[in-house]
Amino acid sequence: MTTHTLPDGTVIHTEHDYPPIPIRSWDWSAHLDDYDGAPDAGWQPVGHGRTEDEAIADLLRQVEEYDDGYEADEAADFRREEHGR
């Protein structure tokens, strides 16, 4: 396992999994530092890719999509409160 620290302080761990299948798009995985894999732990993204960089990019894309959805939900809640709904 390799640890990467991004400029914003985000810590990502990567691992070369190399599963015994002919498809190479799952060779690398990446997860955030607080990942524990427990089913009851809530949202815990895992990125996958042919290379370490692809796995990290997949993980960061998932985080960005989640953050965008969270911000949209907060904005909708604010609009509902603002209009007394």
C-alpha atoms as a PDB file:
ATOM      1  CA  MET A   1       0.000   0.000   0.000  1.00  0.00           C
ATOM      2  CA  THR A   2       1.221   3.479  -0.895  1.00  0.00           C
ATOM      3  CA  THR A   3       0.158   6.698   0.816  1.00  0.00           C
ATOM      4  CA  HIS A   4      -0.264   9.986  -1.061  1.00  0.00           C
ATOM      5  CA  THR A   5      -0.915  13.373   0.543  1.00  0.00           C
ATOM      6  CA  LEU A   6      -2.520  15.937  -1.748  1.00  0.00           C
ATOM      7  CA  PRO A   7      -1.698  19.662  -1.450  1.00  0.00           C
ATOM      8  CA  ASP A   8      -5.008  20.252   0.378  1.00  0.00           C
ATOM      9  CA  GLY A   9      -4.035  17.689   3.038  1.00  0.00           C
ATOM     10  CA  THR A  10      -6.241  14.851   1.742  1.00  0.00           C
ATOM     11  CA  VAL A  11      -4.595  11.485   2.384  1.00  0.00           C
ATOM     12  CA  ILE A  12      -5.181   8.725  -0.172  1.00  0.00           C
ATOM     13  CA  HIS A  13      -4.006   5.130   0.038  1.00  0.00           C
ATOM     14  CA  THR A  14      -3.455   3.093  -3.124  1.00  0.00           C
ATOM     15  CA  GLU A  15      -2.925  -0.595  -3.622  1.00  0.00           C
ATOM     16  CA  HIS A  16      -1.999  -2.776  -6.579  1.00  0.00           C
ATOM     17  CA  ASP A  17      -4.643  -5.499  -6.370  1.00  0.00           C
ATOM     18  CA  TYR A  18      -4.058  -7.358  -9.681  1.00  0.00           C
ATOM     19  CA  PRO A  19      -7.136  -9.599  -9.534  1.00  0.00           C
ATOM     20  CA  PRO A  20      -7.014 -12.979 -11.321  1.00  0.00           C
ATOM     21  CA  ILE A  21      -9.221 -11.844 -14.203  1.00  0.00           C
ATOM     22  CA  PRO A  22      -8.261 -10.855 -17.741  1.00  0.00           C
ATOM     23  CA  ILE A  23      -9.700  -7.333 -17.342  1.00  0.00           C
ATOM     24  CA  ARG A  24      -7.013  -4.913 -16.196  1.00  0.00           C
ATOM     25  CA  SER A  25      -9.279  -1.937 -15.353  1.00  0.00           C
ATOM     26  CA  TRP A  26      -9.443  -3.049 -11.694  1.00  0.00           C
ATOM     27  CA  ASP A  27      -5.710  -3.561 -11.054  1.00  0.00           C
ATOM     28  CA  TRP A  28      -5.394  -0.530  -8.759  1.00  0.00           C
ATOM     29  CA  SER A  29      -7.614   0.737  -5.975  1.00  0.00           C
ATOM     30  CA  ALA A  30      -7.572   4.017  -4.045  1.00  0.00           C
ATOM     31  CA  HIS A  31      -9.403   5.078  -0.904  1.00  0.00           C
ATOM     32  CA  LEU A  32      -9.393   7.931   1.580  1.00  0.00           C
ATOM     33  CA  ASP A  33      -7.484   7.755   4.852  1.00  0.00           C
ATOM     34  CA  ASP A  34     -10.613   7.202   6.980  1.00  0.00           C
ATOM     35  CA  TYR A  35     -11.824   4.191   4.959  1.00  0.00           C
ATOM     36  CA  ASP A  36     -12.494   1.140   7.105  1.00  0.00           C
ATOM     37  CA  GLY A  37     -14.618  -0.992   4.771  1.00  0.00           C
ATOM     38  CA  ALA A  38     -17.344  -1.616   7.336  1.00  0.00           C
ATOM     39  CA  PRO A  39     -20.789  -1.940   5.717  1.00  0.00           C
ATOM     40  CA  ASP A  40     -22.358   0.323   8.371  1.00  0.00           C
ATOM     41  CA  ALA A  41     -19.734   3.061   8.038  1.00  0.00           C
ATOM     42  CA  GLY A  42     -21.725   5.115   5.537  1.00  0.00           C
ATOM     43  CA  TRP A  43     -20.414   6.460   2.255  1.00  0.00           C
ATOM     44  CA  GLN A  44     -16.818   5.353   1.656  1.00  0.00           C
ATOM     45  CA  PRO A  45     -15.720   5.686  -1.965  1.00  0.00           C
ATOM     46  CA  VAL A  46     -13.144   3.401  -3.561  1.00  0.00           C
ATOM     47  CA  GLY A  47     -11.560   4.336  -6.881  1.00  0.00           C
ATOM     48  CA  HIS A  48     -10.401   1.737  -9.393  1.00  0.00           C
ATOM     49  CA  GLY A  49      -8.270   1.885 -12.507  1.00  0.00           C
ATOM     50  CA  ARG A  50      -5.681   0.288 -14.766  1.00  0.00           C
ATOM     51  CA  THR A  51      -2.993   2.449 -13.157  1.00  0.00           C
ATOM     52  CA  GLU A  52      -2.476   4.046  -9.783  1.00  0.00           C
ATOM     53  CA  ASP A  53      -3.196   7.485 -11.282  1.00  0.00           C
ATOM     54  CA  GLU A  54      -6.472   6.257 -12.823  1.00  0.00           C
ATOM     55  CA  ALA A  55      -7.594   4.842  -9.467  1.00  0.00           C
ATOM     56  CA  ILE A  56      -6.836   8.144  -7.718  1.00  0.00           C
ATOM     57  CA  ALA A  57      -8.647  10.103 -10.447  1.00  0.00           C
ATOM     58  CA  ASP A  58     -11.676   7.793 -10.127  1.00  0.00           C
ATOM     59  CA  LEU A  59     -11.722   8.277  -6.346  1.00  0.00           C
ATOM     60  CA  LEU A  60     -11.473  12.068  -6.640  1.00  0.00           C
ATOM     61  CA  ARG A  61     -14.271  12.088  -9.240  1.00  0.00           C
ATOM     62  CA  GLN A  62     -16.528  10.188  -6.842  1.00  0.00           C
ATOM     63  CA  VAL A  63     -15.721  12.611  -4.012  1.00  0.00           C
ATOM     64  CA  GLU A  64     -16.413  15.612  -6.254  1.00  0.00           C
ATOM     65  CA  GLU A  65     -19.754  14.167  -7.414  1.00  0.00           C
ATOM     66  CA  TYR A  66     -20.733  13.467  -3.807  1.00  0.00           C
ATOM     67  CA  ASP A  67     -19.746  16.972  -2.706  1.00  0.00           C
ATOM     68  CA  ASP A  68     -21.681  18.531  -5.614  1.00  0.00           C
ATOM     69  CA  GLY A  69     -24.782  16.545  -4.648  1.00  0.00           C
ATOM     70  CA  TYR A  70     -24.410  17.483  -0.990  1.00  0.00           C
ATOM     71  CA  GLU A  71     -24.118  21.177  -1.858  1.00  0.00           C
ATOM     72  CA  ALA A  72     -27.169  20.941  -4.125  1.00  0.00           C
ATOM     73  CA  ASP A  73     -29.152  19.309  -1.304  1.00  0.00           C
ATOM     74  CA  GLU A  74     -28.125  22.059   1.116  1.00  0.00           C
ATOM     75  CA  ALA A  75     -29.126  24.755  -1.394  1.00  0.00           C
ATOM     76  CA  ALA A  76     -32.526  23.092  -1.916  1.00  0.00           C
ATOM     77  CA  ASP A  77     -33.064  22.904   1.850  1.00  0.00           C
ATOM     78  CA  PHE A  78     -32.205  26.595   2.153  1.00  0.00           C
ATOM     79  CA  ARG A  79     -34.652  27.525  -0.625  1.00  0.00           C
ATOM     80  CA  ARG A  80     -37.408  25.479   1.060  1.00  0.00           C
ATOM     81  CA  GLU A  81     -36.766  27.214   4.402  1.00  0.00           C
ATOM     82  CA  GLU A  82     -36.650  30.593   2.707  1.00  0.00           C
ATOM     83  CA  HIS A  83     -40.089  30.026   1.171  1.00  0.00           C
ATOM     84  CA  GLY A  84     -41.604  28.501   4.304  1.00  0.00           C
ATOM     85  CA  ARG A  85     -42.065  25.003   2.922  1.00  0.00           C
END
